[in-house]
Protein backbone atom coordinates (compact mmCIF):
# COMPACT_ATOMS: atom_id res chain seq x y z
CA MET A 1 -18.64 -39.57 41.87
CA GLY A 2 -22.20 -40.57 41.04
CA PRO A 3 -25.13 -40.50 43.45
CA ARG A 4 -24.72 -42.64 46.51
CA VAL A 5 -26.31 -46.03 45.93
CA SER A 6 -28.28 -47.91 48.55
CA THR A 7 -26.49 -50.12 51.04
CA SER A 8 -28.36 -53.20 49.82
CA ILE A 9 -27.33 -52.66 46.18
CA LEU A 10 -23.68 -52.11 47.12
CA ALA A 11 -23.75 -55.11 49.48
CA ASP A 12 -25.03 -57.29 46.65
CA ARG A 13 -22.23 -56.07 44.38
CA LEU A 14 -19.62 -56.70 47.06
CA THR A 15 -21.00 -60.16 47.78
CA GLY A 16 -20.69 -60.93 44.10
CA MET A 17 -17.08 -59.79 44.25
CA ILE A 18 -15.83 -61.40 47.52
CA GLY A 19 -18.68 -63.60 48.72
CA PRO A 20 -19.32 -63.88 52.48
CA ARG A 21 -16.32 -61.65 53.22
CA ALA A 22 -18.74 -58.75 52.76
CA SER A 23 -21.03 -58.50 55.78
CA VAL A 24 -24.05 -56.47 56.82
CA ALA A 25 -24.67 -58.54 59.96
CA ARG A 26 -25.64 -56.23 62.82
CA GLY A 27 -23.16 -57.77 65.25
CA VAL A 28 -20.28 -57.29 62.80
CA LEU A 29 -21.28 -53.70 62.08
CA ASP A 30 -21.60 -52.85 65.77
CA GLN A 31 -18.21 -54.40 66.52
CA HIS A 32 -16.60 -52.12 63.94
CA GLY A 33 -18.31 -49.01 65.27
CA GLN A 34 -16.76 -49.31 68.71
CA SER A 35 -13.31 -48.48 70.08
CA GLU A 36 -11.49 -47.94 73.36
CA SER A 37 -12.43 -44.27 73.22
CA HIS A 38 -15.34 -42.57 75.00
CA TYR A 39 -17.10 -41.69 71.73
CA ARG A 40 -20.44 -43.29 70.97
CA SER A 41 -20.58 -46.24 68.59
CA LEU A 42 -20.61 -45.18 64.92
CA PRO A 43 -20.95 -48.37 62.87
CA PRO A 44 -20.42 -48.64 59.10
CA ASP A 45 -23.08 -49.84 56.64
CA ILE A 46 -20.98 -52.75 55.34
CA VAL A 47 -17.80 -54.48 56.51
CA VAL A 48 -15.44 -56.13 54.02
CA PHE A 49 -12.50 -58.42 54.74
CA PRO A 50 -10.11 -58.12 51.77
CA GLU A 51 -7.25 -60.58 51.23
CA THR A 52 -5.14 -58.90 48.54
CA THR A 53 -4.14 -55.43 47.40
CA GLN A 54 -5.99 -55.95 44.14
CA GLU A 55 -9.17 -56.75 46.04
CA VAL A 56 -8.76 -53.53 48.01
CA ALA A 57 -8.31 -51.57 44.79
CA ASP A 58 -11.35 -53.19 43.18
CA ILE A 59 -13.53 -52.50 46.23
CA VAL A 60 -12.30 -48.89 46.43
CA LYS A 61 -13.26 -48.38 42.77
CA LEU A 62 -16.69 -49.84 43.48
CA CYS A 63 -17.14 -47.57 46.51
CA ALA A 64 -16.00 -44.52 44.52
CA GLY A 65 -18.52 -45.23 41.79
CA ALA A 66 -21.24 -45.69 44.41
CA GLY A 67 -20.36 -42.54 46.39
CA MET A 68 -19.75 -44.68 49.47
CA PRO A 69 -17.29 -43.63 52.22
CA ILE A 70 -14.25 -45.84 52.88
CA VAL A 71 -13.02 -46.45 56.45
CA PRO A 72 -9.85 -48.56 57.06
CA PHE A 73 -9.91 -50.62 60.28
CA GLY A 74 -7.04 -52.29 62.13
CA ALA A 75 -7.31 -53.57 65.70
CA GLY A 76 -9.93 -50.99 66.65
CA THR A 77 -8.23 -49.21 69.56
CA SER A 78 -8.72 -45.75 68.00
CA LEU A 79 -8.46 -43.55 71.08
CA GLU A 80 -9.68 -40.48 69.19
CA GLY A 81 -12.39 -42.28 67.20
CA ASN A 82 -9.99 -42.59 64.26
CA ALA A 83 -11.87 -45.53 62.68
CA ALA A 84 -15.43 -44.46 63.52
CA ALA A 85 -17.76 -44.50 60.50
CA VAL A 86 -19.15 -41.01 61.01
CA ALA A 87 -20.70 -41.01 57.53
CA GLY A 88 -21.47 -44.73 57.37
CA GLY A 89 -19.96 -46.45 54.36
CA VAL A 90 -17.72 -49.46 53.90
CA CYS A 91 -15.29 -50.52 56.62
CA PHE A 92 -12.17 -52.32 55.36
CA ASP A 93 -11.13 -54.79 58.08
CA PHE A 94 -7.57 -55.97 57.38
CA ALA A 95 -7.60 -58.98 59.72
CA ARG A 96 -7.08 -61.34 56.74
CA MET A 97 -4.17 -59.29 55.37
CA ASN A 98 -1.84 -60.14 58.25
CA LYS A 99 1.18 -61.80 56.65
CA VAL A 100 4.89 -61.11 56.72
CA LEU A 101 5.68 -60.86 53.01
CA ALA A 102 9.48 -60.65 53.23
CA VAL A 103 12.23 -60.55 55.85
CA HIS A 104 15.53 -59.03 54.73
CA ASP A 105 17.81 -60.03 57.60
CA SER A 106 20.98 -58.43 56.31
CA ASP A 107 19.20 -55.15 55.56
CA MET A 108 17.23 -55.26 58.83
CA ASP A 109 13.87 -54.57 57.26
CA VAL A 110 10.61 -56.45 56.75
CA VAL A 111 7.65 -56.10 54.39
CA VAL A 112 4.26 -56.79 55.98
CA GLN A 113 0.56 -56.51 55.30
CA PRO A 114 -1.31 -53.90 57.35
CA GLY A 115 -3.43 -56.30 59.42
CA ILE A 116 -0.54 -57.95 61.25
CA THR A 117 -0.23 -56.78 64.86
CA ARG A 118 3.04 -55.84 66.50
CA LYS A 119 3.00 -58.95 68.71
CA GLN A 120 2.29 -61.20 65.73
CA LEU A 121 5.15 -59.56 63.85
CA ASN A 122 7.60 -60.08 66.69
CA ALA A 123 6.51 -63.72 67.00
CA GLU A 124 7.30 -64.15 63.29
CA LEU A 125 10.71 -62.51 63.81
CA ARG A 126 11.61 -64.56 66.89
CA ASN A 127 14.17 -66.79 65.13
CA THR A 128 15.83 -64.01 63.13
CA GLY A 129 17.55 -62.14 65.97
CA LEU A 130 15.55 -59.05 65.02
CA PHE A 131 12.53 -57.32 66.56
CA PHE A 132 10.15 -54.44 65.90
CA PRO A 133 10.35 -52.07 68.88
CA ILE A 134 7.43 -49.66 68.52
CA ASP A 135 5.16 -50.45 71.46
CA PRO A 136 2.03 -48.31 71.96
CA GLY A 137 0.79 -50.64 74.71
CA ALA A 138 -2.14 -52.19 72.86
CA ASP A 139 -1.48 -55.02 70.40
CA ALA A 140 -2.25 -52.64 67.57
CA SER A 141 -2.10 -53.47 63.87
CA ILE A 142 0.85 -52.19 61.86
CA GLY A 143 -1.52 -50.46 59.44
CA GLY A 144 -3.28 -48.67 62.28
CA MET A 145 0.01 -47.72 63.90
CA THR A 146 1.23 -46.33 60.59
CA SER A 147 -1.98 -44.40 59.98
CA THR A 148 -1.88 -42.72 63.41
CA ARG A 149 1.91 -42.21 63.49
CA ALA A 150 2.02 -44.25 66.69
CA SER A 151 4.97 -44.48 69.06
CA GLY A 152 4.85 -45.61 72.68
CA THR A 153 7.18 -46.74 75.41
CA MET A 154 10.35 -47.35 73.37
CA ALA A 155 10.18 -44.27 71.16
CA VAL A 156 12.88 -42.54 73.23
CA ARG A 157 15.40 -45.12 71.96
CA TYR A 158 14.00 -46.36 68.64
CA GLY A 159 11.85 -43.49 67.38
CA THR A 160 8.21 -43.49 66.28
CA MET A 161 6.43 -45.00 63.28
CA LYS A 162 7.54 -41.95 61.31
CA ASP A 163 11.14 -43.05 61.84
CA ASN A 164 10.61 -46.76 61.20
CA VAL A 165 8.33 -46.88 58.15
CA MET A 166 10.54 -46.99 55.06
CA ALA A 167 7.97 -47.41 52.29
CA LEU A 168 4.27 -47.99 51.72
CA GLU A 169 1.95 -49.47 49.17
CA VAL A 170 -1.24 -47.42 49.07
CA VAL A 171 -4.54 -47.62 47.20
CA LEU A 172 -5.73 -44.12 46.33
CA ALA A 173 -9.31 -42.91 46.23
CA ASP A 174 -9.58 -43.61 42.49
CA GLY A 175 -8.28 -47.18 42.90
CA ARG A 176 -4.72 -46.56 41.72
CA ILE A 177 -2.05 -48.57 43.53
CA ILE A 178 1.15 -46.67 44.28
CA ARG A 179 4.43 -47.35 46.08
CA THR A 180 5.85 -44.40 47.95
CA ALA A 181 9.53 -45.48 48.10
CA LYS A 182 12.03 -48.32 47.66
CA ARG A 183 13.93 -50.10 50.45
CA ALA A 184 16.99 -47.85 50.44
CA ARG A 185 17.76 -46.40 53.86
CA LYS A 186 17.80 -42.88 52.44
CA SER A 187 16.56 -41.14 49.33
CA ALA A 188 16.38 -37.64 47.87
CA ALA A 189 13.95 -38.65 45.13
CA GLY A 190 11.09 -36.19 45.00
CA TYR A 191 8.45 -35.54 47.63
CA ASP A 192 8.48 -37.73 50.74
CA LEU A 193 5.16 -39.43 50.06
CA THR A 194 5.83 -42.07 52.72
CA ARG A 195 5.77 -39.50 55.51
CA MET A 196 2.66 -37.91 54.04
CA PHE A 197 0.64 -41.11 54.45
CA VAL A 198 2.13 -41.92 57.87
CA GLY A 199 -0.26 -40.21 60.26
CA ALA A 200 -2.92 -39.42 57.64
CA GLU A 201 -5.46 -41.65 59.46
CA GLY A 202 -6.74 -43.18 56.22
CA THR A 203 -7.91 -39.81 54.86
CA LEU A 204 -5.61 -39.89 51.80
CA GLY A 205 -5.61 -43.56 50.84
CA VAL A 206 -5.75 -47.15 52.08
CA ILE A 207 -2.43 -48.67 53.17
CA THR A 208 -2.03 -52.23 51.88
CA GLU A 209 1.67 -52.93 52.53
CA VAL A 210 4.29 -51.53 54.91
CA THR A 211 8.09 -51.80 54.78
CA LEU A 212 9.54 -51.41 58.27
CA LYS A 213 12.94 -51.08 59.86
CA VAL A 214 13.63 -53.77 62.43
CA HIS A 215 16.38 -53.86 65.03
CA PRO A 216 18.73 -56.43 66.58
CA VAL A 217 17.41 -58.07 69.73
CA PRO A 218 19.57 -56.71 72.57
CA GLN A 219 22.02 -59.09 74.20
CA ALA A 220 20.90 -57.98 77.64
CA ILE A 221 17.83 -56.20 79.03
CA SER A 222 17.29 -54.87 82.51
CA ALA A 223 14.44 -52.88 84.04
CA ALA A 224 14.00 -50.88 87.22
CA VAL A 225 11.35 -48.95 89.14
CA CYS A 226 12.08 -45.85 91.22
CA SER A 227 9.64 -43.59 93.10
CA PHE A 228 9.88 -39.89 93.94
CA ASP A 229 8.22 -37.46 96.31
CA THR A 230 7.09 -35.07 93.58
CA LEU A 231 6.33 -35.06 89.86
CA HIS A 232 9.02 -32.42 89.43
CA ASP A 233 11.67 -34.72 90.90
CA ALA A 234 10.63 -37.59 88.65
CA VAL A 235 10.58 -35.43 85.49
CA ASP A 236 13.89 -33.76 86.36
CA THR A 237 15.42 -37.22 86.70
CA ALA A 238 14.11 -38.25 83.29
CA ILE A 239 15.44 -35.06 81.67
CA SER A 240 18.84 -35.51 83.30
CA VAL A 241 19.04 -39.10 82.07
CA ILE A 242 18.27 -37.98 78.49
CA GLN A 243 20.68 -35.02 78.66
CA SER A 244 23.43 -37.30 80.00
CA ALA A 245 23.21 -39.31 76.73
CA ILE A 246 22.28 -42.52 78.55
CA PRO A 247 20.68 -44.61 75.75
CA VAL A 248 17.73 -45.67 77.89
CA ALA A 249 15.23 -47.84 75.95
CA ARG A 250 12.18 -46.89 78.00
CA ILE A 251 11.56 -44.25 80.62
CA GLU A 252 7.93 -44.05 81.71
CA LEU A 253 6.32 -41.88 84.36
CA LEU A 254 3.22 -42.92 86.32
CA ASN A 255 1.76 -40.48 88.83
CA ASP A 256 0.58 -41.49 92.30
CA VAL A 257 -3.02 -42.02 91.16
CA MET A 258 -1.96 -44.35 88.36
CA MET A 259 0.37 -46.26 90.71
CA ARG A 260 -2.59 -46.85 93.00
CA GLY A 261 -4.48 -48.21 90.02
CA ILE A 262 -1.82 -50.61 88.78
CA ASN A 263 -1.09 -51.86 92.30
CA ALA A 264 -4.71 -52.94 92.56
CA TYR A 265 -5.01 -54.17 88.98
CA ALA A 266 -1.77 -56.17 88.80
CA LYS A 267 -1.53 -57.01 92.53
CA LEU A 268 1.76 -55.16 92.92
CA GLY A 269 3.12 -53.45 96.00
CA TYR A 270 4.88 -50.36 94.71
CA ARG A 271 4.94 -47.06 96.59
CA GLU A 272 1.95 -44.95 95.50
CA ALA A 273 3.95 -41.92 94.48
CA PRO A 274 5.26 -40.48 91.19
CA THR A 275 7.29 -43.34 89.74
CA LEU A 276 9.67 -43.92 86.83
CA PHE A 277 9.88 -47.24 84.99
CA PHE A 278 13.21 -47.71 83.22
CA GLU A 279 14.44 -50.29 80.72
CA PHE A 280 17.99 -50.62 79.42
CA HIS A 281 19.11 -52.48 76.28
CA GLY A 282 22.59 -53.47 75.12
CA SER A 283 25.46 -55.74 76.05
CA GLU A 284 25.77 -57.05 79.60
CA SER A 285 28.40 -54.46 80.44
CA SER A 286 26.68 -51.51 78.74
CA VAL A 287 23.33 -52.29 80.41
CA ALA A 288 25.01 -52.38 83.81
CA GLU A 289 26.76 -49.08 83.08
CA GLN A 290 23.54 -47.41 81.88
CA ALA A 291 21.60 -48.60 84.92
CA GLU A 292 24.25 -47.45 87.38
CA ALA A 293 24.38 -44.00 85.78
CA ALA A 294 20.57 -43.67 85.83
CA GLN A 295 20.42 -44.86 89.43
CA ALA A 296 22.94 -42.22 90.48
CA ILE A 297 20.94 -39.48 88.75
CA ALA A 298 17.74 -40.66 90.40
CA ALA A 299 19.43 -40.61 93.81
CA ASP A 300 20.53 -37.01 93.21
CA HIS A 301 16.85 -36.11 92.69
CA GLY A 302 15.57 -37.88 95.79
CA GLY A 303 14.64 -41.18 94.19
CA HIS A 304 13.56 -43.91 96.59
CA GLY A 305 15.70 -46.87 95.61
CA PHE A 306 15.80 -48.89 92.44
CA ALA A 307 13.67 -52.06 92.45
CA TRP A 308 15.31 -54.24 89.81
CA ALA A 309 13.48 -56.53 87.38
CA LYS A 310 16.19 -58.49 85.56
CA ALA A 311 14.45 -61.84 85.03
CA PRO A 312 12.28 -61.98 81.87
CA GLU A 313 9.19 -62.95 83.86
CA ASP A 314 9.66 -59.99 86.24
CA ARG A 315 10.10 -57.56 83.33
CA SER A 316 7.06 -59.02 81.62
CA ARG A 317 4.95 -58.50 84.73
CA LEU A 318 6.22 -54.94 85.10
CA TRP A 319 5.48 -53.92 81.50
CA HIS A 320 2.20 -55.82 81.45
CA ALA A 321 1.09 -53.56 84.29
CA ARG A 322 2.30 -50.48 82.38
CA ASP A 323 0.60 -51.57 79.14
CA ASN A 324 -2.73 -52.03 80.92
CA THR A 325 -2.92 -48.62 82.54
CA LEU A 326 -6.29 -47.98 80.86
CA TYR A 327 -7.91 -50.90 82.65
CA ALA A 328 -5.96 -50.20 85.85
CA GLY A 329 -7.19 -46.61 85.75
CA LEU A 330 -10.79 -47.63 85.15
CA GLY A 331 -10.59 -49.85 88.22
CA LEU A 332 -10.19 -46.75 90.35
CA ARG A 333 -13.81 -45.84 89.67
CA PRO A 334 -15.94 -48.89 88.85
CA GLY A 335 -18.54 -48.17 86.19
CA ALA A 336 -16.69 -45.14 84.90
CA ARG A 337 -15.58 -44.43 81.37
CA ALA A 338 -12.29 -42.75 80.54
CA VAL A 339 -11.88 -39.66 78.44
CA ILE A 340 -8.37 -40.45 77.24
CA THR A 341 -6.21 -37.64 75.94
CA ASP A 342 -2.55 -36.92 75.28
CA VAL A 343 -0.28 -33.97 74.59
CA CYS A 344 3.43 -33.55 74.00
CA VAL A 345 5.67 -30.63 74.95
CA PRO A 346 9.39 -29.87 74.82
CA ILE A 347 10.93 -31.80 77.70
CA SER A 348 12.09 -28.58 79.38
CA ARG A 349 8.40 -27.66 79.88
CA LEU A 350 7.18 -31.13 80.83
CA ALA A 351 7.27 -30.80 84.63
CA GLU A 352 5.40 -27.49 84.45
CA CYS A 353 2.76 -28.89 82.09
CA LEU A 354 2.30 -32.05 84.15
CA THR A 355 1.98 -30.33 87.52
CA GLU A 356 -0.42 -27.67 86.21
CA THR A 357 -2.55 -30.35 84.56
CA ARG A 358 -2.65 -32.43 87.74
CA ARG A 359 -3.60 -29.37 89.79
CA ASP A 360 -6.34 -28.52 87.30
CA ALA A 361 -7.83 -32.03 87.51
CA ASP A 362 -7.73 -31.99 91.32
CA GLU A 363 -9.33 -28.55 91.57
CA HIS A 364 -12.24 -29.71 89.40
CA GLY A 365 -12.77 -32.92 91.35
CA PHE A 366 -11.68 -35.44 88.72
CA THR A 367 -9.90 -38.71 89.33
CA ALA A 368 -7.42 -38.49 86.46
CA PRO A 369 -4.43 -40.85 86.49
CA ILE A 370 -1.48 -39.76 84.36
CA VAL A 371 1.12 -41.80 82.49
CA GLY A 372 3.87 -40.33 80.37
CA HIS A 373 6.56 -41.21 77.88
CA VAL A 374 8.67 -38.62 79.60
CA GLY A 375 11.79 -39.21 77.52
CA ASP A 376 10.12 -37.38 74.65
CA GLY A 377 7.78 -35.04 76.54
CA ASN A 378 4.55 -36.97 75.87
CA PHE A 379 1.97 -37.76 78.54
CA HIS A 380 -1.56 -39.16 78.71
CA MET A 381 -4.40 -38.43 81.11
CA LEU A 382 -7.39 -40.68 81.80
CA ILE A 383 -10.27 -38.51 83.00
CA LEU A 384 -12.70 -40.87 84.74
CA ILE A 385 -16.33 -39.89 84.33
CA ASP A 386 -19.78 -41.26 85.08
CA PRO A 387 -21.25 -41.57 81.53
CA THR A 388 -24.78 -41.03 82.92
CA LYS A 389 -23.88 -37.53 84.13
CA PRO A 390 -23.64 -35.02 81.26
CA GLU A 391 -22.05 -32.44 83.53
CA GLU A 392 -19.07 -34.77 84.07
CA THR A 393 -18.67 -35.30 80.34
CA GLU A 394 -18.72 -31.55 79.74
CA GLY A 395 -16.31 -30.97 82.60
CA ALA A 396 -13.90 -33.56 81.20
CA LYS A 397 -14.02 -31.92 77.77
CA ALA A 398 -13.25 -28.56 79.36
CA LEU A 399 -10.36 -30.07 81.31
CA GLN A 400 -8.98 -31.59 78.11
CA ALA A 401 -9.32 -28.24 76.30
CA ARG A 402 -7.30 -26.50 79.01
CA MET A 403 -4.67 -29.26 78.92
CA VAL A 404 -4.29 -28.89 75.15
CA ALA A 405 -4.21 -25.08 75.29
CA ARG A 406 -1.53 -25.33 77.97
CA ALA A 407 0.58 -27.65 75.80
CA ILE A 408 0.23 -25.51 72.67
CA ALA A 409 1.17 -22.39 74.64
CA MET A 410 4.36 -24.23 75.65
CA ASP A 411 5.20 -24.83 71.96
CA GLY A 412 3.86 -28.37 72.17
CA THR A 413 1.25 -30.35 70.29
CA CYS A 414 -2.35 -31.35 70.92
CA THR A 415 -1.49 -35.02 70.34
CA GLY A 416 1.78 -36.89 70.63
CA GLU A 417 0.44 -40.26 69.50
CA HIS A 418 -3.33 -40.68 69.40
CA GLY A 419 -3.93 -38.64 66.26
CA ILE A 420 -6.62 -36.06 65.55
CA GLY A 421 -9.49 -38.39 64.69
CA LEU A 422 -12.82 -36.93 65.80
CA GLY A 423 -11.81 -35.35 69.05
CA LYS A 424 -9.04 -32.89 68.25
CA ILE A 425 -10.12 -31.31 64.97
CA ASP A 426 -10.47 -27.81 66.46
CA TYR A 427 -7.21 -28.12 68.34
CA LEU A 428 -5.30 -28.86 65.11
CA THR A 429 -6.25 -25.43 63.79
CA ASP A 430 -5.28 -23.83 67.11
CA GLU A 431 -1.89 -25.47 66.80
CA LEU A 432 -1.01 -25.04 63.12
CA GLY A 433 -3.27 -22.31 61.76
CA GLU A 434 -3.02 -21.84 58.01
CA ALA A 435 -0.97 -25.00 57.63
CA VAL A 436 -4.24 -26.88 58.07
CA ASP A 437 -5.50 -25.26 54.85
CA VAL A 438 -2.50 -26.77 53.06
CA MET A 439 -3.46 -30.18 54.46
CA ARG A 440 -7.00 -29.64 53.14
CA GLN A 441 -5.61 -28.87 49.69
CA ILE A 442 -3.63 -32.11 49.69
CA LYS A 443 -6.74 -33.98 50.84
CA THR A 444 -8.84 -32.44 48.06
CA ALA A 445 -6.22 -33.23 45.43
CA LEU A 446 -6.04 -36.93 46.36
CA ASP A 447 -9.66 -37.44 47.48
CA PRO A 448 -11.81 -34.84 45.68
CA ASP A 449 -15.10 -36.51 46.68
CA GLY A 450 -14.16 -36.75 50.37
CA LEU A 451 -14.74 -40.50 50.59
CA MET A 452 -11.57 -41.52 52.44
CA ASN A 453 -12.38 -41.76 56.18
CA PRO A 454 -14.54 -38.61 56.18
CA GLY A 455 -14.90 -36.52 59.32
CA LYS A 456 -11.36 -37.18 60.58
CA ILE A 457 -8.63 -34.53 60.95
CA PHE A 458 -10.96 -32.05 59.22
CA SER A 459 -14.67 -31.43 59.78
CA GLY A 460 -17.07 -32.45 57.03
CA GLY A 461 -17.41 -35.66 55.10
CA ALA A 462 -19.04 -37.57 52.31
CA ARG A 463 -22.53 -37.31 53.72
CA GLU A 464 -22.46 -33.60 54.44
C-alpha cells in the first residue's frame, strides 16, 4: 500500500472510471454515515455505486493503491454501526447490484447480487412457489444480512444466514475475485470459506454475489397471540413447544413494555403483558395439529387464550407490528433515542437472563422494552435515552455491559444477530479470548493493510 492519496485525486480517478456513480456530494455522504443505531454519524469520503463485480474489483484495486479504506453498504440498518466509515474512505453502495441472476427451481436455490433486499427477492420469487424465509424485521439487503450473519423471526424453523448461504463470490483486498463454493448441498472440499465470510462484516472482502437456499411456500399458514402473567411462564411455554418437536415457524416474545408500545403504534388492543406471537407453516392438517398442541402447552403454563390470525391481512398486520418494534418502542418516550442491543443464551437459561435483565433496567430507571426470538434463546432490548443527557447514555452503556456479561456467564454470546460492529469489540474478547487472536491472523492474511471496513470487530483501522 502506498501513501494515502487525497480524496479529490481519488474522486477524480473514480469519476473517470464510473462517471457520476462516484459521489462526494455532502448529502450523499451524510446519508451513508447514518444508521438505525445510536452511534454518531460517521460518513465516508466518497460513495460509489458499482454495477458489476468487475467494477467492484477495479475500484478495490484503485482504493488499495491509494491506501483508501473500503466500506460495503447495504440498506444501512447497521444496529452496531457495522457500516460506519470510522476511518473515512470509499463506501460501496450496492443499490444498483440488486438483480436475481438465476433461479434453480428444482434445486431450490437462487443466485443474487448483494444489493437486493429480502422483500425484493421474495417479490421476484412470487410465481415460483418458493420463498426466502430469513426475516430480520427490516427490509435488509442480502449482502448486509450475509455480512452480519443475520437471522430473525423465522430462524427457529429455517435457520440463520449461516444455514442458508450456499456459496459466495467475493472481491478480496487485492482485487482478486474468488468463489467460495459450488451449488452442491454439501461438500467436504477444503476449508469452509463460505462460512468464514458470512458474518465477517466486510472486514475480509466485498461480497458481490450470493447463492441462497430457498424453501417451498407453505400450503397453509396460521398465526396466534397468547399472553402470560410472567416472563417465566411465557419462556417456559416457548421452551416446551420447542422440546415437544412442534415445528413452529415463528415464536416471538414481547414483554409488557413492548406490548404497550405496539398497541399504541399499530392501534392494537392486546393485553399489555408478556406475550408470545406464534406462526405455523405446513399443510392444512399439520398447521391445525401444530396450533392445537401449542395452545395446549400455553394453557398448561397459564396462557390467556389464543387470539387467532388466519386471514393473510390479519397476519400481515400482526407481523407488521412485530417488525416495527423499534419505532413502537421509541413512541414510548417521544424524543428519545434507543440503545439497541441483543444477546443469545442457551434456551434453558433464557427465562433467568430475561428476568434479571428486566429487573436491572427497572432498578436503574430505564424504559427498556424487550423482544425476543425465544425459540433460539435470542432477545433484544431497546434502552430509551435522552440523547442530550450524557448520564443516561453512560447508564445505558453500563446496563448493556451487565446484560452482555450476564449472557456470557450463562454460556451465551454477546450478539445473536446484530454483529460486533463498533459497539461490541471488547465483549468479543470477553467471550472468546484467544480465539480473537486467530481471527486477527486471518484478517491480516487477507487484508494486510487493514483497508477492509476498518474499526469493526477489532479495534484499529487504516487511519490509525
